[in-house]
Protein backbone atom coordinates (compact mmCIF):
# COMPACT_ATOMS: atom_id res chain seq x y z
CA MET A 1 16.45 1.74 9.36
CA ARG A 2 18.17 -0.51 6.84
CA ILE A 3 20.71 -3.14 7.90
CA LEU A 4 22.99 -5.44 5.91
CA LEU A 5 23.62 -8.83 7.53
CA VAL A 6 26.59 -10.79 6.17
CA GLU A 7 26.49 -14.28 7.70
CA ASP A 8 27.12 -17.64 6.03
CA GLU A 9 25.44 -19.87 8.63
CA LYS A 10 21.82 -19.95 7.46
CA ARG A 11 20.35 -20.88 10.85
CA ILE A 12 22.06 -17.94 12.54
CA ALA A 13 21.28 -15.57 9.68
CA ASP A 14 17.59 -16.52 9.73
CA PHE A 15 17.43 -16.09 13.51
CA ILE A 16 19.08 -12.65 13.42
CA LYS A 17 17.04 -11.47 10.44
CA ARG A 18 13.77 -12.54 12.06
CA GLY A 19 14.65 -10.76 15.31
CA LEU A 20 15.70 -7.56 13.54
CA LYS A 21 12.54 -7.51 11.41
CA GLU A 22 10.44 -7.94 14.55
CA ASP A 23 12.26 -4.89 15.91
CA LYS A 24 11.17 -2.89 12.82
CA TYR A 25 14.41 -2.98 10.81
CA VAL A 26 14.67 -3.59 7.07
CA VAL A 27 17.26 -6.34 6.53
CA ASP A 28 19.23 -7.39 3.44
CA THR A 29 21.38 -10.52 3.68
CA ALA A 30 24.51 -11.91 2.07
CA CYS A 31 26.02 -15.36 2.66
CA ASP A 32 29.59 -14.58 1.60
CA GLY A 33 32.04 -11.71 1.82
CA GLU A 34 32.06 -10.83 -1.87
CA LYS A 35 28.28 -10.42 -2.06
CA GLY A 36 28.31 -8.49 1.22
CA LEU A 37 30.92 -6.07 -0.10
CA TYR A 38 28.98 -5.66 -3.35
CA LEU A 39 25.70 -4.84 -1.56
CA ALA A 40 27.48 -2.42 0.77
CA GLU A 41 28.93 -0.59 -2.23
CA ILE A 42 25.65 -0.15 -4.12
CA ASN A 43 23.15 0.39 -1.27
CA PRO A 44 23.04 2.93 1.58
CA TYR A 45 22.91 1.09 4.92
CA ASP A 46 22.55 2.39 8.45
CA LEU A 47 24.48 -0.57 9.87
CA ILE A 48 26.41 -3.62 8.64
CA ILE A 49 26.51 -6.78 10.76
CA LEU A 50 29.53 -8.72 9.57
CA ASP A 51 30.67 -12.22 10.47
CA ILE A 52 34.43 -12.72 10.39
CA MET A 53 34.58 -16.31 9.08
CA LEU A 54 33.01 -15.98 5.63
CA PRO A 55 33.49 -17.81 2.32
CA LEU A 56 35.16 -16.09 -0.68
CA LYS A 57 36.25 -13.07 1.37
CA ASP A 58 36.55 -12.95 5.18
CA GLY A 59 34.96 -10.25 7.30
CA ILE A 60 38.25 -8.56 8.21
CA THR A 61 39.07 -8.09 4.53
CA VAL A 62 35.55 -6.87 3.76
CA CYS A 63 35.71 -4.31 6.54
CA LYS A 64 39.14 -3.06 5.43
CA GLU A 65 37.92 -2.67 1.84
CA LEU A 66 34.82 -0.79 2.99
CA ARG A 67 36.96 1.70 4.88
CA ASN A 68 39.43 2.01 1.99
CA LYS A 69 36.47 2.92 -0.23
CA GLN A 70 35.44 5.62 2.29
CA ILE A 71 32.24 3.75 3.22
CA ASP A 72 31.84 4.83 6.83
CA VAL A 73 28.65 2.96 7.78
CA PRO A 74 28.92 1.47 11.32
CA VAL A 75 30.09 -2.16 11.37
CA LEU A 76 29.25 -4.67 14.10
CA MET A 77 31.52 -7.72 13.92
CA LEU A 78 30.16 -11.15 14.86
CA THR A 79 32.51 -14.08 15.44
CA ALA A 80 33.01 -17.28 17.39
CA LYS A 81 36.57 -16.14 18.20
CA ASP A 82 36.75 -14.56 21.63
CA SER A 83 40.45 -13.92 22.28
CA VAL A 84 41.60 -10.36 22.99
CA GLY A 85 43.85 -10.50 19.92
CA ASP A 86 40.94 -11.38 17.65
CA LYS A 87 38.85 -8.55 19.06
CA VAL A 88 41.68 -6.05 18.61
CA ARG A 89 42.22 -7.26 15.05
CA GLY A 90 38.53 -6.80 14.28
CA LEU A 91 38.39 -3.29 15.72
CA ASN A 92 41.66 -2.26 14.08
CA CYS A 93 40.31 -3.12 10.64
CA GLY A 94 37.66 -0.42 11.04
CA ALA A 95 34.80 -2.16 12.87
CA ASP A 96 32.87 -0.10 15.43
CA ASP A 97 31.89 -2.92 17.79
CA TYR A 98 32.53 -6.62 18.33
CA LEU A 99 30.21 -9.35 19.64
CA THR A 100 31.20 -12.95 20.32
CA LYS A 101 28.90 -15.87 19.49
CA PRO A 102 26.83 -17.14 21.18
CA PHE A 103 25.24 -13.93 22.45
CA ALA A 104 22.06 -12.83 24.18
CA PHE A 105 19.77 -11.30 21.60
CA GLU A 106 18.86 -8.47 24.00
CA GLU A 107 22.52 -7.44 24.16
CA PHE A 108 22.82 -7.74 20.38
CA LEU A 109 19.81 -5.44 19.87
CA ALA A 110 21.19 -2.94 22.39
CA ARG A 111 24.47 -2.75 20.45
CA VAL A 112 22.61 -2.39 17.14
CA ARG A 113 20.55 0.50 18.53
CA ALA A 114 23.58 2.18 20.07
CA LEU A 115 25.55 2.07 16.80
CA ILE A 116 22.63 3.46 14.80
CA ARG A 117 22.05 6.24 17.36
CA ARG A 118 25.75 7.10 17.18
CA LYS A 119 25.54 7.30 13.36
CA THR A 120 22.50 9.59 13.40
CA GLY A 121 23.86 11.70 16.26
CA ASN A 122 20.67 11.08 18.21
CA LYS A 123 21.43 9.92 21.77
CA SER A 124 17.76 9.75 22.74
CA THR A 125 15.52 6.86 21.68
CA VAL A 126 12.51 9.17 21.39
CA LEU A 127 12.01 11.12 18.16
CA LYS A 128 9.84 14.25 18.39
CA VAL A 129 8.28 16.52 15.79
CA ALA A 130 5.74 19.01 17.14
CA ASP A 131 3.35 16.89 19.25
CA LEU A 132 4.27 13.67 17.42
CA GLN A 133 6.51 11.22 19.31
CA LEU A 134 8.04 7.91 18.31
CA ASP A 135 9.91 5.73 20.81
CA GLN A 136 12.50 3.59 19.01
CA LEU A 137 12.76 1.16 21.93
CA THR A 138 9.09 0.50 22.66
CA HIS A 139 7.90 1.37 19.12
CA GLN A 140 5.09 3.38 20.65
CA VAL A 141 3.86 6.28 18.52
CA THR A 142 1.72 9.08 19.97
CA ARG A 143 0.38 12.41 18.81
CA ALA A 144 -0.88 14.95 21.34
CA GLY A 145 -0.74 12.13 23.87
CA LYS A 146 -2.97 9.84 21.81
CA GLN A 147 -1.48 6.45 21.00
CA LEU A 148 -1.43 5.61 17.28
CA MET A 149 -1.43 2.03 16.01
CA LEU A 150 0.86 1.53 13.01
CA THR A 151 1.70 -1.58 11.03
CA HIS A 152 5.30 -2.78 10.77
CA LYS A 153 5.92 -1.03 7.42
CA GLU A 154 4.07 2.15 8.46
CA TYR A 155 6.27 2.40 11.56
CA ILE A 156 9.48 2.02 9.55
CA LEU A 157 8.30 4.64 7.05
CA LEU A 158 7.38 7.14 9.77
CA GLU A 159 10.64 6.54 11.65
CA TYR A 160 12.66 7.30 8.51
CA LEU A 161 10.68 10.49 7.87
CA MET A 162 11.21 11.60 11.47
CA LEU A 163 14.93 10.86 11.32
CA ASN A 164 15.02 13.20 8.33
CA THR A 165 12.78 15.94 9.72
CA ASN A 166 12.76 19.14 7.64
CA THR A 167 14.52 17.33 4.78
CA VAL A 168 12.92 16.35 1.48
CA VAL A 169 12.92 12.56 1.24
CA THR A 170 12.71 11.19 -2.30
CA ARG A 171 10.92 8.01 -3.36
CA THR A 172 14.31 6.47 -4.13
CA MET A 173 15.50 7.17 -0.58
CA LEU A 174 12.34 5.60 0.83
CA ALA A 175 12.71 2.59 -1.45
CA GLU A 176 16.31 2.09 -0.28
CA HIS A 177 15.73 2.52 3.45
CA VAL A 178 12.19 1.29 4.04
CA TRP A 179 11.92 -1.59 1.59
CA HIS A 180 14.76 -3.79 0.24
CA GLU A 181 17.33 -3.98 -2.51
CA ASN A 182 14.94 -5.60 -5.03
CA PHE A 183 12.09 -3.13 -4.50
CA ASP A 184 10.70 -1.46 -7.63
CA SER A 185 10.59 2.25 -6.76
CA PHE A 186 8.46 2.96 -9.85
CA THR A 187 5.37 1.31 -8.34
CA ASN A 188 2.84 3.36 -6.37
CA VAL A 189 3.37 1.37 -3.17
CA ILE A 190 5.31 4.23 -1.55
CA ASP A 191 2.50 6.72 -2.22
CA VAL A 192 -0.04 4.25 -0.86
CA TYR A 193 1.91 3.84 2.39
CA ILE A 194 2.46 7.58 2.72
CA ASN A 195 -1.33 7.95 2.60
CA TYR A 196 -1.75 5.20 5.20
CA VAL A 197 0.62 7.03 7.57
CA ARG A 198 -0.99 10.40 6.84
CA ASN A 199 -4.40 9.03 7.73
CA LYS A 200 -3.07 7.93 11.11
CA ILE A 201 -0.92 10.89 12.15
CA ASP A 202 -2.53 13.85 10.35
CA LYS A 203 -6.19 13.11 9.60
CA ASP A 204 -7.65 13.91 13.03
CA PHE A 205 -5.34 16.84 13.80
CA LYS A 206 -5.45 20.47 12.69
CA LYS A 207 -1.77 20.77 11.88
CA GLN A 208 -0.49 18.60 9.01
CA LEU A 209 3.05 17.23 9.44
CA ILE A 210 3.62 15.23 6.23
CA HIS A 211 3.80 17.37 3.10
CA THR A 212 4.21 16.42 -0.56
CA VAL A 213 6.96 18.23 -2.45
CA ARG A 214 5.78 18.04 -6.05
CA GLY A 215 8.31 16.37 -8.32
CA ALA A 216 10.68 15.62 -5.41
CA GLY A 217 9.14 13.51 -2.66
CA TYR A 218 7.92 14.14 0.86
CA ILE A 219 8.91 16.14 3.89
CA LEU A 220 7.90 15.87 7.53
CA LYS A 221 8.02 19.22 9.32
CA GLU A 222 6.22 21.27 11.94
């Protein structure tokens, strides 16, 4: 899943980005409100984490402009302000949740997961396709009860395919959600990683789950 983090304090941004990447998320960052708004307008995100106190354009304004532009991606507000009035103001501008600094990273991750599950309409943390299972909390992947060991990028790629089961996923979609905003989708890296994942989830099983749709992309289906 792809997340946009808009935070001007580098130490906090680096800490959050590192933790999210360890939890298998793809993270783009912006250090001011104008860049954050620009990235949100040109890239499809599954979640935006937005600090309120930002240079150039504050988080409240950014969130309002996102909603005015009909960009309905979930927004998690981060701020050092903890008064009820500040929280109400943040939620009224269109944010979906509000977390006060400092926070426990475990709680932060729980809120991130909950907002993304709400967006996808999937209340369970376990994705299933045929006998393939992926647990978004433990990151354990199994097929027919056999545990499969995936790298960080392979896991993210498989998770995105499973979240879009029975839907053709183009290379552009994979580039946007599995890599980052500067990724060159014209390289063969995507095809290479598709083959890596295929070798792990399909090679030793009779039924193939990942299929190539010539001229379009890939589809994961039973």
